[in-house]
Structure formats: C-alpha cells, structure tokens
Amino acid sequence: MIDLHTHTVFSDGELIPAELVRRAEVAGYKALCMTDHADESNMYATLENVLRFVKKHGHFYDINVMAGVELTHIPPALISEMVEKARAAGAQIVVMHGETPVEPVAQGTNLAAIEAKVDVLAHPGLITDQEVELAAENGVALEITTRGGHSYTNGHVAAMARKHGAKLVINNDAHAPRDLVDEALRKTIALGAGLTLDEYRQTESNAWEIVQRCMK
C-alpha cells in the first residue's frame, strides 16, 4: 500500500510527522508522502519543517517517507506558478486539491493543475473528458480517495480514467489515525468504484512509479 496524500499538524491533520509515519508503517504501508494543505502563505515553512523531518528521521522507518504539498484553493491563474515554486522549494510530490463535490473549489482548478503537470490531482469530482484526456497525455495521476465526501465521485473518476487511459492512484487523504485504512477496505473502495481487480493492482503500480520518480 502507498499513500501519496496525507496531512500532519502543519495543516489540518491530527498527528506530527513521526506519529503519522509510524502508524502508516505499522498499518502495512510501504510509502507515504506528507502533503499538507498549502498556499503562498504557508508553503515554504511547512515544506521546510517536513523536509527536515524526512532528511533526519526518514531512514529510520521501514517505509519510504516523502515531503510534498497539497496546493489548496489556489486561484487557477496562479496554479502553474505555485507548482513551480513548490518544486523549487523541495516538494517531492505536488498534489492539487481538485474540484471535489463537497467544497467550493474554483472551476478551472482541475484543468489548470493538469496543464501544470502536478503529480496527483486529488478528488477531482466530475472531471471532464477534455481534462482526463489531457491528464493521460501529461502523466497526471487521478485520485480514487477513501475519504468520505470526496469519494462521492470515485465511480465517475474511475470510468473516465478507463475511457481515456489516464492513470489512477488510491489515497487516503489521511488527517487522523483512523484514516489509514487497511488493505481490505482499500480494495473494497476501489472495487466499489468500479475498478476490476487488475485495475486495482495497477493503481499500486502507478503509485510506486511516482514514488520511484520522486525519490531520485
């Protein structure tokens, strides 16, 4: 299991990085990226703190530990600039807070994030054919989420990814210990979204490809 979308106390998560990583390790995860909510106001301080933890503590765990950001509620016109700034500041993975049906995310966020080639577009809601086609072309992974509310459109995301050949990953969007679902529930959520068993397995391969690329 791999989780590329999690939160710590540096945004709205309940756990400090050490506890989040330890709990994920015990739960059987093989890689985890801490991607706290970020905008211009907090991105640099958050990344500095989490990167310091990853560099000093990460090798003590039997799990690949990475530092990233989830750019959140960024005006679409500024997304490309913020993605560049996040990478320059050391973010190993850049996640974009997509157009979930349960939050007032600005229309155009999905498209701007895909054009900026983020690594993962989180909970993209009722993503369009044009957007998914471009995601496939740009190598942007679309998220199947285990998080309540955001997960309402998992079935749509899965069907659109299959239609256009876009890559999928499964993330918890973990904010608390209870959010680190076990493998059985993770698989159930994937199959419930309409994925076949082979497609579910492919999501893990897709996530591992991102980990390998970002750990270099």
C-alpha atoms as a PDB file:
ATOM      1  CA  MET A   1       0.000   0.000   0.000  1.00  0.00           C
ATOM      2  CA  ILE A   2       1.146   3.520  -0.866  1.00  0.00           C
ATOM      3  CA  ASP A   3      -0.390   6.808   0.259  1.00  0.00           C
ATOM      4  CA  LEU A   4       0.661   9.943  -1.629  1.00  0.00           C
ATOM      5  CA  HIS A   5      -1.811  12.306   0.086  1.00  0.00           C
ATOM      6  CA  THR A   6      -1.714  12.796   3.871  1.00  0.00           C
ATOM      7  CA  HIS A   7      -1.825  15.652   6.373  1.00  0.00           C
ATOM      8  CA  THR A   8       0.009  16.481   9.593  1.00  0.00           C
ATOM      9  CA  VAL A   9      -0.324  19.162  12.279  1.00  0.00           C
ATOM     10  CA  PHE A  10       1.304  21.557   9.837  1.00  0.00           C
ATOM     11  CA  SER A  11      -2.128  21.935   8.249  1.00  0.00           C
ATOM     12  CA  ASP A  12      -5.336  20.280   9.485  1.00  0.00           C
ATOM     13  CA  GLY A  13      -4.024  16.835  10.408  1.00  0.00           C
ATOM     14  CA  GLU A  14      -4.003  15.473  13.953  1.00  0.00           C
ATOM     15  CA  LEU A  15      -0.533  13.895  14.012  1.00  0.00           C
ATOM     16  CA  ILE A  16       3.037  15.123  13.956  1.00  0.00           C
ATOM     17  CA  PRO A  17       5.083  13.568  11.111  1.00  0.00           C
ATOM     18  CA  ALA A  18       6.762  10.971  13.324  1.00  0.00           C
ATOM     19  CA  GLU A  19       3.477   9.523  14.553  1.00  0.00           C
ATOM     20  CA  LEU A  20       1.851   9.591  11.136  1.00  0.00           C
ATOM     21  CA  VAL A  21       4.766   7.715   9.587  1.00  0.00           C
ATOM     22  CA  ARG A  22       4.979   5.201  12.423  1.00  0.00           C
ATOM     23  CA  ARG A  23       1.263   4.449  12.278  1.00  0.00           C
ATOM     24  CA  ALA A  24       1.434   4.035   8.497  1.00  0.00           C
ATOM     25  CA  GLU A  25       4.413   1.722   8.854  1.00  0.00           C
ATOM     26  CA  VAL A  26       2.599  -0.478  11.389  1.00  0.00           C
ATOM     27  CA  ALA A  27      -0.526  -0.484   9.187  1.00  0.00           C
ATOM     28  CA  GLY A  28       1.499  -2.010   6.357  1.00  0.00           C
ATOM     29  CA  TYR A  29       2.156   0.955   4.092  1.00  0.00           C
ATOM     30  CA  LYS A  30       5.362   0.875   2.060  1.00  0.00           C
ATOM     31  CA  ALA A  31       5.478   4.545   1.089  1.00  0.00           C
ATOM     32  CA  LEU A  32       3.883   7.715   2.384  1.00  0.00           C
ATOM     33  CA  CYS A  33       4.045  11.354   1.360  1.00  0.00           C
ATOM     34  CA  MET A  34       3.071  14.144   3.727  1.00  0.00           C
ATOM     35  CA  THR A  35       1.210  16.718   1.635  1.00  0.00           C
ATOM     36  CA  ASP A  36      -0.140  19.406   3.903  1.00  0.00           C
ATOM     37  CA  HIS A  37      -2.567  21.994   2.556  1.00  0.00           C
ATOM     38  CA  ALA A  38      -0.559  24.905   1.201  1.00  0.00           C
ATOM     39  CA  ASP A  39      -0.851  28.275  -0.447  1.00  0.00           C
ATOM     40  CA  GLU A  40       1.542  31.219  -0.728  1.00  0.00           C
ATOM     41  CA  SER A  41       1.225  31.993   2.979  1.00  0.00           C
ATOM     42  CA  ASN A  42       2.453  28.726   4.499  1.00  0.00           C
ATOM     43  CA  MET A  43       4.062  26.557   1.811  1.00  0.00           C
ATOM     44  CA  TYR A  44       7.685  27.387   2.489  1.00  0.00           C
ATOM     45  CA  ALA A  45       7.561  26.983   6.267  1.00  0.00           C
ATOM     46  CA  THR A  46       5.578  23.746   6.002  1.00  0.00           C
ATOM     47  CA  LEU A  47       7.945  22.220   3.471  1.00  0.00           C
ATOM     48  CA  GLU A  48      10.986  23.283   5.463  1.00  0.00           C
ATOM     49  CA  ASN A  49       9.696  21.537   8.581  1.00  0.00           C
ATOM     50  CA  VAL A  50       8.569  18.337   6.871  1.00  0.00           C
ATOM     51  CA  LEU A  51      11.699  18.092   4.698  1.00  0.00           C
ATOM     52  CA  ARG A  52      13.843  18.442   7.818  1.00  0.00           C
ATOM     53  CA  PHE A  53      11.963  15.524   9.369  1.00  0.00           C
ATOM     54  CA  VAL A  54      12.267  13.394   6.217  1.00  0.00           C
ATOM     55  CA  LYS A  55      16.007  14.005   5.896  1.00  0.00           C
ATOM     56  CA  LYS A  56      16.789  13.445   9.599  1.00  0.00           C
ATOM     57  CA  HIS A  57      14.304  10.719  10.551  1.00  0.00           C
ATOM     58  CA  GLY A  58      13.018   9.118   7.360  1.00  0.00           C
ATOM     59  CA  HIS A  59      15.669   6.414   7.048  1.00  0.00           C
ATOM     60  CA  PHE A  60      14.832   5.016  10.496  1.00  0.00           C
ATOM     61  CA  TYR A  61      11.491   3.633   9.247  1.00  0.00           C
ATOM     62  CA  ASP A  62      10.776   0.597   7.089  1.00  0.00           C
ATOM     63  CA  ILE A  63       8.737   2.797   4.766  1.00  0.00           C
ATOM     64  CA  ASN A  64       9.635   5.315   2.063  1.00  0.00           C
ATOM     65  CA  VAL A  65       8.905   8.753   3.516  1.00  0.00           C
ATOM     66  CA  MET A  66       8.496  11.826   1.332  1.00  0.00           C
ATOM     67  CA  ALA A  67       7.643  15.500   1.702  1.00  0.00           C
ATOM     68  CA  GLY A  68       5.190  17.240  -0.586  1.00  0.00           C
ATOM     69  CA  VAL A  69       2.315  19.692  -0.618  1.00  0.00           C
ATOM     70  CA  GLU A  70      -1.352  19.744  -1.483  1.00  0.00           C
ATOM     71  CA  LEU A  71      -1.921  23.087  -3.161  1.00  0.00           C
ATOM     72  CA  THR A  72      -5.380  24.056  -1.945  1.00  0.00           C
ATOM     73  CA  HIS A  73      -7.920  26.607  -3.198  1.00  0.00           C
ATOM     74  CA  ILE A  74      -5.298  28.325  -5.348  1.00  0.00           C
ATOM     75  CA  PRO A  75      -6.818  30.622  -7.989  1.00  0.00           C
ATOM     76  CA  PRO A  76      -6.499  28.716 -11.278  1.00  0.00           C
ATOM     77  CA  ALA A  77      -4.472  31.531 -12.868  1.00  0.00           C
ATOM     78  CA  LEU A  78      -1.773  31.072 -10.192  1.00  0.00           C
ATOM     79  CA  ILE A  79      -1.598  27.267 -10.136  1.00  0.00           C
ATOM     80  CA  SER A  80       1.222  26.877 -12.653  1.00  0.00           C
ATOM     81  CA  GLU A  81       3.347  29.412 -10.769  1.00  0.00           C
ATOM     82  CA  MET A  82       2.658  27.716  -7.424  1.00  0.00           C
ATOM     83  CA  VAL A  83       3.549  24.280  -8.789  1.00  0.00           C
ATOM     84  CA  GLU A  84       6.893  25.635  -9.965  1.00  0.00           C
ATOM     85  CA  LYS A  85       7.503  27.294  -6.594  1.00  0.00           C
ATOM     86  CA  ALA A  86       6.616  24.095  -4.706  1.00  0.00           C
ATOM     87  CA  ARG A  87       9.066  22.025  -6.733  1.00  0.00           C
ATOM     88  CA  ALA A  88      11.789  24.668  -6.340  1.00  0.00           C
ATOM     89  CA  ALA A  89      11.196  24.634  -2.573  1.00  0.00           C
ATOM     90  CA  GLY A  90      11.854  20.888  -2.457  1.00  0.00           C
ATOM     91  CA  ALA A  91       8.416  19.280  -2.722  1.00  0.00           C
ATOM     92  CA  GLN A  92       8.967  15.705  -3.876  1.00  0.00           C
ATOM     93  CA  ILE A  93       5.310  15.293  -4.807  1.00  0.00           C
ATOM     94  CA  VAL A  94       2.870  18.032  -5.734  1.00  0.00           C
ATOM     95  CA  VAL A  95      -0.793  17.204  -5.196  1.00  0.00           C
ATOM     96  CA  MET A  96      -3.572  19.558  -6.287  1.00  0.00           C
ATOM     97  CA  HIS A  97      -6.791  19.870  -4.292  1.00  0.00           C
ATOM     98  CA  GLY A  98      -9.223  19.117  -7.095  1.00  0.00           C
ATOM     99  CA  GLU A  99     -12.841  20.078  -7.734  1.00  0.00           C
ATOM    100  CA  THR A 100     -14.418  17.863  -5.089  1.00  0.00           C
ATOM    101  CA  PRO A 101     -18.228  17.985  -4.892  1.00  0.00           C
ATOM    102  CA  VAL A 102     -18.150  18.835  -1.175  1.00  0.00           C
ATOM    103  CA  GLU A 103     -16.074  22.038  -1.230  1.00  0.00           C
ATOM    104  CA  PRO A 104     -16.300  25.325  -3.183  1.00  0.00           C
ATOM    105  CA  VAL A 105     -13.192  24.722  -5.288  1.00  0.00           C
ATOM    106  CA  ALA A 106     -12.906  27.239  -8.123  1.00  0.00           C
ATOM    107  CA  GLN A 107     -13.987  25.998 -11.537  1.00  0.00           C
ATOM    108  CA  GLY A 108     -10.940  25.584 -13.739  1.00  0.00           C
ATOM    109  CA  THR A 109      -8.762  24.174 -10.957  1.00  0.00           C
ATOM    110  CA  ASN A 110      -8.650  20.671 -12.440  1.00  0.00           C
ATOM    111  CA  LEU A 111      -7.633  21.892 -15.880  1.00  0.00           C
ATOM    112  CA  ALA A 112      -5.005  24.333 -14.595  1.00  0.00           C
ATOM    113  CA  ALA A 113      -3.459  21.644 -12.379  1.00  0.00           C
ATOM    114  CA  ILE A 114      -3.293  19.153 -15.235  1.00  0.00           C
ATOM    115  CA  GLU A 115      -1.759  21.760 -17.528  1.00  0.00           C
ATOM    116  CA  ALA A 116       0.838  22.469 -14.812  1.00  0.00           C
ATOM    117  CA  LYS A 117       1.620  18.719 -14.648  1.00  0.00           C
ATOM    118  CA  VAL A 118       1.076  18.140 -10.947  1.00  0.00           C
ATOM    119  CA  ASP A 119       1.869  14.601  -9.820  1.00  0.00           C
ATOM    120  CA  VAL A 120      -1.606  13.837  -8.455  1.00  0.00           C
ATOM    121  CA  LEU A 121      -4.957  15.544  -8.933  1.00  0.00           C
ATOM    122  CA  ALA A 122      -6.811  14.772  -5.719  1.00  0.00           C
ATOM    123  CA  HIS A 123     -10.562  14.081  -5.577  1.00  0.00           C
ATOM    124  CA  PRO A 124     -11.267  15.701  -8.981  1.00  0.00           C
ATOM    125  CA  GLY A 125     -15.051  15.452  -8.754  1.00  0.00           C
ATOM    126  CA  LEU A 126     -16.999  15.441 -12.017  1.00  0.00           C
ATOM    127  CA  ILE A 127     -13.871  15.792 -14.123  1.00  0.00           C
ATOM    128  CA  THR A 128     -14.487  16.286 -17.844  1.00  0.00           C
ATOM    129  CA  ASP A 129     -13.472  14.276 -20.880  1.00  0.00           C
ATOM    130  CA  GLN A 130     -11.122  17.036 -22.011  1.00  0.00           C
ATOM    131  CA  GLU A 131      -9.424  17.163 -18.633  1.00  0.00           C
ATOM    132  CA  VAL A 132      -8.970  13.401 -18.318  1.00  0.00           C
ATOM    133  CA  GLU A 133      -7.647  13.143 -21.852  1.00  0.00           C
ATOM    134  CA  LEU A 134      -5.054  15.812 -21.050  1.00  0.00           C
ATOM    135  CA  ALA A 135      -4.216  14.116 -17.738  1.00  0.00           C
ATOM    136  CA  ALA A 136      -3.398  10.933 -19.655  1.00  0.00           C
ATOM    137  CA  GLU A 137      -1.229  12.919 -22.064  1.00  0.00           C
ATOM    138  CA  ASN A 138       0.593  14.819 -19.296  1.00  0.00           C
ATOM    139  CA  GLY A 139       1.078  11.845 -16.966  1.00  0.00           C
ATOM    140  CA  VAL A 140      -1.037  13.315 -14.165  1.00  0.00           C
ATOM    141  CA  ALA A 141      -2.470  10.644 -11.878  1.00  0.00           C
ATOM    142  CA  LEU A 142      -6.111  10.975 -10.849  1.00  0.00           C
ATOM    143  CA  GLU A 143      -7.082  10.048  -7.314  1.00  0.00           C
ATOM    144  CA  ILE A 144      -9.544   7.477  -6.083  1.00  0.00           C
ATOM    145  CA  THR A 145      -9.994   8.554  -2.484  1.00  0.00           C
ATOM    146  CA  THR A 146     -11.004   6.597   0.587  1.00  0.00           C
ATOM    147  CA  ARG A 147     -12.129   9.797   2.322  1.00  0.00           C
ATOM    148  CA  GLY A 148     -15.831  10.319   2.886  1.00  0.00           C
ATOM    149  CA  GLY A 149     -17.484  13.094   0.900  1.00  0.00           C
ATOM    150  CA  HIS A 150     -14.630  13.460  -1.547  1.00  0.00           C
ATOM    151  CA  SER A 151     -15.299   9.831  -2.510  1.00  0.00           C
ATOM    152  CA  TYR A 152     -18.797  10.545  -3.839  1.00  0.00           C
ATOM    153  CA  THR A 153     -17.486  10.806  -7.403  1.00  0.00           C
ATOM    154  CA  ASN A 154     -14.977   7.919  -7.302  1.00  0.00           C
ATOM    155  CA  GLY A 155     -17.071   5.920  -9.764  1.00  0.00           C
ATOM    156  CA  HIS A 156     -17.088   8.764 -12.278  1.00  0.00           C
ATOM    157  CA  VAL A 157     -13.329   9.279 -11.943  1.00  0.00           C
ATOM    158  CA  ALA A 158     -12.674   5.553 -12.425  1.00  0.00           C
ATOM    159  CA  ALA A 159     -14.883   5.356 -15.515  1.00  0.00           C
ATOM    160  CA  MET A 160     -13.353   8.444 -17.098  1.00  0.00           C
ATOM    161  CA  ALA A 161      -9.810   7.231 -16.432  1.00  0.00           C
ATOM    162  CA  ARG A 162     -10.616   3.909 -18.110  1.00  0.00           C
ATOM    163  CA  LYS A 163     -12.190   5.704 -21.077  1.00  0.00           C
ATOM    164  CA  HIS A 164      -9.164   7.901 -21.742  1.00  0.00           C
ATOM    165  CA  GLY A 165      -6.298   5.764 -20.429  1.00  0.00           C
ATOM    166  CA  ALA A 166      -5.414   8.050 -17.524  1.00  0.00           C
ATOM    167  CA  LYS A 167      -3.508   6.720 -14.537  1.00  0.00           C
ATOM    168  CA  LEU A 168      -5.236   6.229 -11.200  1.00  0.00           C
ATOM    169  CA  VAL A 169      -3.847   6.094  -7.671  1.00  0.00           C
ATOM    170  CA  ILE A 170      -5.641   5.380  -4.398  1.00  0.00           C
ATOM    171  CA  ASN A 171      -5.042   7.743  -1.478  1.00  0.00           C
ATOM    172  CA  ASN A 172      -6.499   8.140   1.985  1.00  0.00           C
ATOM    173  CA  ASP A 173      -6.245  11.929   2.310  1.00  0.00           C
ATOM    174  CA  ALA A 174      -5.429  10.943   5.889  1.00  0.00           C
ATOM    175  CA  HIS A 175      -5.961  13.543   8.607  1.00  0.00           C
ATOM    176  CA  ALA A 176      -6.160  11.177  11.603  1.00  0.00           C
ATOM    177  CA  PRO A 177      -5.111   7.633  12.616  1.00  0.00           C
ATOM    178  CA  ARG A 178      -8.482   6.181  11.639  1.00  0.00           C
ATOM    179  CA  ASP A 179      -7.993   7.388   8.061  1.00  0.00           C
ATOM    180  CA  LEU A 180      -5.152   4.937   7.362  1.00  0.00           C
ATOM    181  CA  VAL A 181      -7.427   2.223   6.002  1.00  0.00           C
ATOM    182  CA  ASP A 182      -6.270  -1.384   5.822  1.00  0.00           C
ATOM    183  CA  GLU A 183      -5.708  -3.273   2.602  1.00  0.00           C
ATOM    184  CA  ALA A 184      -9.105  -4.991   2.671  1.00  0.00           C
ATOM    185  CA  LEU A 185     -11.049  -1.724   2.881  1.00  0.00           C
ATOM    186  CA  ARG A 186      -8.786  -0.074   0.342  1.00  0.00           C
ATOM    187  CA  LYS A 187      -9.554  -2.850  -2.125  1.00  0.00           C
ATOM    188  CA  THR A 188     -13.282  -2.715  -1.349  1.00  0.00           C
ATOM    189  CA  ILE A 189     -13.400   1.022  -2.057  1.00  0.00           C
ATOM    190  CA  ALA A 190     -11.547   0.502  -5.352  1.00  0.00           C
ATOM    191  CA  LEU A 191     -13.841  -2.303  -6.480  1.00  0.00           C
ATOM    192  CA  GLY A 192     -16.864  -0.322  -5.303  1.00  0.00           C
ATOM    193  CA  ALA A 193     -15.764   2.500  -7.579  1.00  0.00           C
ATOM    194  CA  GLY A 194     -15.958   0.077 -10.484  1.00  0.00           C
ATOM    195  CA  LEU A 195     -12.332  -0.948 -10.827  1.00  0.00           C
ATOM    196  CA  THR A 196     -11.505  -4.522 -11.748  1.00  0.00           C
ATOM    197  CA  LEU A 197      -9.026  -6.427  -9.610  1.00  0.00           C
ATOM    198  CA  ASP A 198      -6.351  -5.922 -12.262  1.00  0.00           C
ATOM    199  CA  GLU A 199      -7.092  -2.191 -12.388  1.00  0.00           C
ATOM    200  CA  TYR A 200      -6.852  -2.038  -8.604  1.00  0.00           C
ATOM    201  CA  ARG A 201      -3.429  -3.660  -8.743  1.00  0.00           C
ATOM    202  CA  GLN A 202      -2.399  -1.209 -11.442  1.00  0.00           C
ATOM    203  CA  THR A 203      -3.157   1.707  -9.116  1.00  0.00           C
ATOM    204  CA  GLU A 204      -0.470   0.403  -6.776  1.00  0.00           C
ATOM    205  CA  SER A 205       1.999   0.136  -9.662  1.00  0.00           C
ATOM    206  CA  ASN A 206       1.138   3.675 -10.720  1.00  0.00           C
ATOM    207  CA  ALA A 207       1.770   4.969  -7.212  1.00  0.00           C
ATOM    208  CA  TRP A 208       5.068   3.117  -6.983  1.00  0.00           C
ATOM    209  CA  GLU A 209       6.198   4.679 -10.269  1.00  0.00           C
ATOM    210  CA  ILE A 210       5.566   8.124  -8.778  1.00  0.00           C
ATOM    211  CA  VAL A 211       7.487   7.183  -5.629  1.00  0.00           C
ATOM    212  CA  GLN A 212      10.470   5.953  -7.623  1.00  0.00           C
ATOM    213  CA  ARG A 213      10.478   9.076  -9.793  1.00  0.00           C
ATOM    214  CA  CYS A 214      10.247  11.412  -6.835  1.00  0.00           C
ATOM    215  CA  MET A 215      12.788   9.630  -4.656  1.00  0.00           C
ATOM    216  CA  LYS A 216      15.552  10.130  -7.235  1.00  0.00           C
END
